[in-house]
Amino acid sequence: MRDLLAYRLHVVANTISRSAAARYRREFDVTLGEWRTIALLAGYGPLGLNQLARQSGVDRGQISRIVAGLTERNFVTGTHDIKGKPVSLSLTGKGRKLFQGLFDAALDRDEIFLGALSAKERVQFDDMLNKILDVARRVENVEKEKSSGPAS
């Protein structure tokens, strides 16, 4: 099990995420879910709840709770439909300032991890990750097609 690529990538990603969660909670009082939501709104906003859920890979209910907390803390604002539900969400000025601090911290963290590699290794690592991601997407599509095909 420990030698399987998917397992190793999962362990690396979770270890990096746990240390990120601790730092972002300590320095900015935000969770990883809040950070990802803020980052998506900074990069792609304004977005609706369904778009946020799809982009983040989190269910709509959880995104709704994250957005409610960020709105309550004045990091996110939005337009609402006649029932009062958010339709289009974006960062407030306070949210954009928080994003910049979080993004700077994320860049610092990237440098810590990538600092273990030489400049040449960084380029190779990036190339390798891109190749693995390309293959992973192709395999995912093949598996989806097989799963949605006629039953045997």
C-alpha atoms as a PDB file:
ATOM      1  CA  MET A   1       0.000   0.000   0.000  1.00  0.00           C
ATOM      2  CA  ARG A   2       2.726   2.465   0.965  1.00  0.00           C
ATOM      3  CA  ASP A   3       4.276   2.131  -2.491  1.00  0.00           C
ATOM      4  CA  LEU A   4       1.093   2.958  -4.421  1.00  0.00           C
ATOM      5  CA  LEU A   5       1.268   6.323  -6.172  1.00  0.00           C
ATOM      6  CA  ALA A   6      -2.244   7.380  -5.172  1.00  0.00           C
ATOM      7  CA  TYR A   7      -1.545   6.589  -1.524  1.00  0.00           C
ATOM      8  CA  ARG A   8       1.763   8.463  -1.519  1.00  0.00           C
ATOM      9  CA  LEU A   9       0.243  11.534  -3.192  1.00  0.00           C
ATOM     10  CA  HIS A  10      -2.636  11.413  -0.712  1.00  0.00           C
ATOM     11  CA  VAL A  11      -0.228  11.294   2.251  1.00  0.00           C
ATOM     12  CA  VAL A  12       1.815  14.210   0.889  1.00  0.00           C
ATOM     13  CA  ALA A  13      -1.292  16.303   0.150  1.00  0.00           C
ATOM     14  CA  ASN A  14      -2.828  15.620   3.565  1.00  0.00           C
ATOM     15  CA  THR A  15       0.400  16.387   5.402  1.00  0.00           C
ATOM     16  CA  ILE A  16       0.795  19.675   3.546  1.00  0.00           C
ATOM     17  CA  SER A  17      -2.886  20.511   4.140  1.00  0.00           C
ATOM     18  CA  ARG A  18      -2.721  19.809   7.884  1.00  0.00           C
ATOM     19  CA  SER A  19       0.241  22.142   8.351  1.00  0.00           C
ATOM     20  CA  ALA A  20      -1.490  24.764   6.189  1.00  0.00           C
ATOM     21  CA  ALA A  21      -4.651  24.454   8.269  1.00  0.00           C
ATOM     22  CA  ALA A  22      -2.688  25.024  11.475  1.00  0.00           C
ATOM     23  CA  ARG A  23      -0.915  28.091  10.095  1.00  0.00           C
ATOM     24  CA  TYR A  24      -3.997  29.674   8.526  1.00  0.00           C
ATOM     25  CA  ARG A  25      -6.011  29.114  11.696  1.00  0.00           C
ATOM     26  CA  ARG A  26      -3.253  30.574  13.865  1.00  0.00           C
ATOM     27  CA  GLU A  27      -2.349  33.562  11.694  1.00  0.00           C
ATOM     28  CA  PHE A  28      -5.669  34.405  10.013  1.00  0.00           C
ATOM     29  CA  ASP A  29      -8.372  32.561  12.007  1.00  0.00           C
ATOM     30  CA  VAL A  30      -9.684  30.763   8.909  1.00  0.00           C
ATOM     31  CA  THR A  31     -10.197  27.103   8.070  1.00  0.00           C
ATOM     32  CA  LEU A  32      -8.890  25.440   4.917  1.00  0.00           C
ATOM     33  CA  GLY A  33     -12.431  25.434   3.527  1.00  0.00           C
ATOM     34  CA  GLU A  34     -12.694  29.169   4.140  1.00  0.00           C
ATOM     35  CA  TRP A  35      -9.271  29.762   2.550  1.00  0.00           C
ATOM     36  CA  ARG A  36     -10.224  27.773  -0.548  1.00  0.00           C
ATOM     37  CA  THR A  37     -13.526  29.631  -0.837  1.00  0.00           C
ATOM     38  CA  ILE A  38     -11.778  32.995  -0.485  1.00  0.00           C
ATOM     39  CA  ALA A  39      -9.172  31.957  -3.070  1.00  0.00           C
ATOM     40  CA  LEU A  40     -11.847  30.855  -5.556  1.00  0.00           C
ATOM     41  CA  LEU A  41     -13.734  34.127  -5.164  1.00  0.00           C
ATOM     42  CA  ALA A  42     -10.489  36.085  -5.555  1.00  0.00           C
ATOM     43  CA  GLY A  43      -9.524  34.171  -8.671  1.00  0.00           C
ATOM     44  CA  TYR A  44     -12.867  33.564 -10.363  1.00  0.00           C
ATOM     45  CA  GLY A  45     -15.490  35.674  -8.575  1.00  0.00           C
ATOM     46  CA  PRO A  46     -18.175  36.629  -8.477  1.00  0.00           C
ATOM     47  CA  LEU A  47     -19.551  33.092  -8.234  1.00  0.00           C
ATOM     48  CA  GLY A  48     -22.758  31.432  -7.116  1.00  0.00           C
ATOM     49  CA  LEU A  49     -22.954  28.722  -4.459  1.00  0.00           C
ATOM     50  CA  ASN A  50     -23.266  25.940  -7.034  1.00  0.00           C
ATOM     51  CA  GLN A  51     -20.200  27.204  -8.903  1.00  0.00           C
ATOM     52  CA  LEU A  52     -18.235  27.428  -5.647  1.00  0.00           C
ATOM     53  CA  ALA A  53     -19.263  23.900  -4.680  1.00  0.00           C
ATOM     54  CA  ARG A  54     -18.284  22.527  -8.088  1.00  0.00           C
ATOM     55  CA  GLN A  55     -14.945  24.384  -8.209  1.00  0.00           C
ATOM     56  CA  SER A  56     -13.969  23.396  -4.663  1.00  0.00           C
ATOM     57  CA  GLY A  57     -15.221  19.823  -4.791  1.00  0.00           C
ATOM     58  CA  VAL A  58     -17.285  20.411  -1.651  1.00  0.00           C
ATOM     59  CA  ASP A  59     -21.019  19.796  -1.380  1.00  0.00           C
ATOM     60  CA  ARG A  60     -23.368  22.767  -1.645  1.00  0.00           C
ATOM     61  CA  GLY A  61     -24.499  22.532   1.981  1.00  0.00           C
ATOM     62  CA  GLN A  62     -20.965  22.801   3.301  1.00  0.00           C
ATOM     63  CA  ILE A  63     -20.159  25.694   0.952  1.00  0.00           C
ATOM     64  CA  SER A  64     -23.331  27.424   2.108  1.00  0.00           C
ATOM     65  CA  ARG A  65     -22.183  27.169   5.743  1.00  0.00           C
ATOM     66  CA  ILE A  66     -18.677  28.383   4.865  1.00  0.00           C
ATOM     67  CA  VAL A  67     -20.096  31.353   2.947  1.00  0.00           C
ATOM     68  CA  ALA A  68     -22.475  32.193   5.803  1.00  0.00           C
ATOM     69  CA  GLY A  69     -19.545  32.364   8.219  1.00  0.00           C
ATOM     70  CA  LEU A  70     -17.439  34.450   5.842  1.00  0.00           C
ATOM     71  CA  THR A  71     -20.378  36.776   5.212  1.00  0.00           C
ATOM     72  CA  GLU A  72     -20.982  37.172   8.943  1.00  0.00           C
ATOM     73  CA  ARG A  73     -17.334  38.174   9.356  1.00  0.00           C
ATOM     74  CA  ASN A  74     -17.636  40.647   6.438  1.00  0.00           C
ATOM     75  CA  PHE A  75     -15.197  38.853   4.118  1.00  0.00           C
ATOM     76  CA  VAL A  76     -17.846  37.951   1.527  1.00  0.00           C
ATOM     77  CA  THR A  77     -20.867  39.793   0.190  1.00  0.00           C
ATOM     78  CA  GLY A  78     -23.428  38.881  -2.378  1.00  0.00           C
ATOM     79  CA  THR A  79     -26.560  39.675  -4.268  1.00  0.00           C
ATOM     80  CA  HIS A  80     -29.626  37.716  -3.205  1.00  0.00           C
ATOM     81  CA  ASP A  81     -32.744  36.373  -4.870  1.00  0.00           C
ATOM     82  CA  ILE A  82     -36.257  37.209  -3.697  1.00  0.00           C
ATOM     83  CA  LYS A  83     -36.049  34.415  -1.100  1.00  0.00           C
ATOM     84  CA  GLY A  84     -32.884  35.956   0.366  1.00  0.00           C
ATOM     85  CA  LYS A  85     -30.559  33.238  -0.918  1.00  0.00           C
ATOM     86  CA  PRO A  86     -27.166  34.340  -2.293  1.00  0.00           C
ATOM     87  CA  VAL A  87     -26.984  34.389  -6.094  1.00  0.00           C
ATOM     88  CA  SER A  88     -23.639  36.029  -6.793  1.00  0.00           C
ATOM     89  CA  LEU A  89     -20.863  36.122  -4.201  1.00  0.00           C
ATOM     90  CA  SER A  90     -17.692  38.201  -4.125  1.00  0.00           C
ATOM     91  CA  LEU A  91     -15.041  39.334  -1.675  1.00  0.00           C
ATOM     92  CA  THR A  92     -15.405  42.557   0.264  1.00  0.00           C
ATOM     93  CA  GLY A  93     -12.436  44.901   0.695  1.00  0.00           C
ATOM     94  CA  LYS A  94     -11.745  43.146   3.990  1.00  0.00           C
ATOM     95  CA  GLY A  95     -11.946  39.792   2.187  1.00  0.00           C
ATOM     96  CA  ARG A  96      -9.500  40.913  -0.509  1.00  0.00           C
ATOM     97  CA  LYS A  97      -7.053  42.059   2.170  1.00  0.00           C
ATOM     98  CA  LEU A  98      -7.397  38.685   3.927  1.00  0.00           C
ATOM     99  CA  PHE A  99      -6.854  36.893   0.617  1.00  0.00           C
ATOM    100  CA  GLN A 100      -3.603  38.764   0.035  1.00  0.00           C
ATOM    101  CA  GLY A 101      -2.283  37.753   3.459  1.00  0.00           C
ATOM    102  CA  LEU A 102      -3.330  34.141   2.924  1.00  0.00           C
ATOM    103  CA  PHE A 103      -1.866  34.073  -0.577  1.00  0.00           C
ATOM    104  CA  ASP A 104       1.452  35.453   0.665  1.00  0.00           C
ATOM    105  CA  ALA A 105       1.496  32.752   3.366  1.00  0.00           C
ATOM    106  CA  ALA A 106       0.719  30.096   0.731  1.00  0.00           C
ATOM    107  CA  LEU A 107       3.615  31.349  -1.411  1.00  0.00           C
ATOM    108  CA  ASP A 108       5.900  31.202   1.635  1.00  0.00           C
ATOM    109  CA  ARG A 109       4.787  27.622   2.262  1.00  0.00           C
ATOM    110  CA  ASP A 110       5.366  26.659  -1.372  1.00  0.00           C
ATOM    111  CA  GLU A 111       8.881  28.022  -1.121  1.00  0.00           C
ATOM    112  CA  ILE A 112       9.533  25.943   2.002  1.00  0.00           C
ATOM    113  CA  PHE A 113       8.481  22.728   0.269  1.00  0.00           C
ATOM    114  CA  LEU A 114      10.007  23.481  -3.109  1.00  0.00           C
ATOM    115  CA  GLY A 115      13.157  24.717  -1.384  1.00  0.00           C
ATOM    116  CA  ALA A 116      14.060  21.056  -0.917  1.00  0.00           C
ATOM    117  CA  LEU A 117      14.563  20.875  -4.704  1.00  0.00           C
ATOM    118  CA  SER A 118      17.189  22.418  -6.949  1.00  0.00           C
ATOM    119  CA  ALA A 119      16.038  24.746  -9.741  1.00  0.00           C
ATOM    120  CA  LYS A 120      16.403  21.898 -12.236  1.00  0.00           C
ATOM    121  CA  GLU A 121      14.473  19.506  -9.989  1.00  0.00           C
ATOM    122  CA  ARG A 122      11.657  22.059  -9.627  1.00  0.00           C
ATOM    123  CA  VAL A 123      11.219  22.195 -13.394  1.00  0.00           C
ATOM    124  CA  GLN A 124      11.343  18.403 -13.619  1.00  0.00           C
ATOM    125  CA  PHE A 125       8.896  18.032 -10.717  1.00  0.00           C
ATOM    126  CA  ASP A 126       6.451  20.443 -12.348  1.00  0.00           C
ATOM    127  CA  ASP A 127       6.730  18.564 -15.650  1.00  0.00           C
ATOM    128  CA  MET A 128       6.196  15.231 -13.900  1.00  0.00           C
ATOM    129  CA  LEU A 129       3.159  16.479 -11.987  1.00  0.00           C
ATOM    130  CA  ASN A 130       1.642  17.795 -15.209  1.00  0.00           C
ATOM    131  CA  LYS A 131       2.225  14.466 -16.958  1.00  0.00           C
ATOM    132  CA  ILE A 132       0.677  12.502 -14.096  1.00  0.00           C
ATOM    133  CA  LEU A 133      -2.288  14.892 -13.990  1.00  0.00           C
ATOM    134  CA  ASP A 134      -2.845  14.520 -17.737  1.00  0.00           C
ATOM    135  CA  VAL A 135      -2.821  10.730 -17.460  1.00  0.00           C
ATOM    136  CA  ALA A 136      -5.045  10.840 -14.366  1.00  0.00           C
ATOM    137  CA  ARG A 137      -7.635  12.919 -16.233  1.00  0.00           C
ATOM    138  CA  ARG A 138      -7.576  10.539 -19.202  1.00  0.00           C
ATOM    139  CA  VAL A 139      -7.966   7.508 -16.933  1.00  0.00           C
ATOM    140  CA  GLU A 140     -10.784   9.260 -15.056  1.00  0.00           C
ATOM    141  CA  ASN A 141     -12.633   9.898 -18.324  1.00  0.00           C
ATOM    142  CA  VAL A 142     -12.169   6.293 -19.456  1.00  0.00           C
ATOM    143  CA  GLU A 143     -13.455   4.989 -16.115  1.00  0.00           C
ATOM    144  CA  LYS A 144     -16.470   7.323 -16.263  1.00  0.00           C
ATOM    145  CA  GLU A 145     -17.269   6.121 -19.777  1.00  0.00           C
ATOM    146  CA  LYS A 146     -16.981   2.489 -18.705  1.00  0.00           C
ATOM    147  CA  SER A 147     -19.203   3.131 -15.695  1.00  0.00           C
ATOM    148  CA  SER A 148     -21.907   4.870 -17.724  1.00  0.00           C
ATOM    149  CA  GLY A 149     -21.871   2.334 -20.572  1.00  0.00           C
ATOM    150  CA  PRO A 150     -24.342  -0.505 -21.010  1.00  0.00           C
ATOM    151  CA  ALA A 151     -24.338  -3.173 -18.314  1.00  0.00           C
ATOM    152  CA  SER A 152     -22.885  -6.547 -19.286  1.00  0.00           C
END
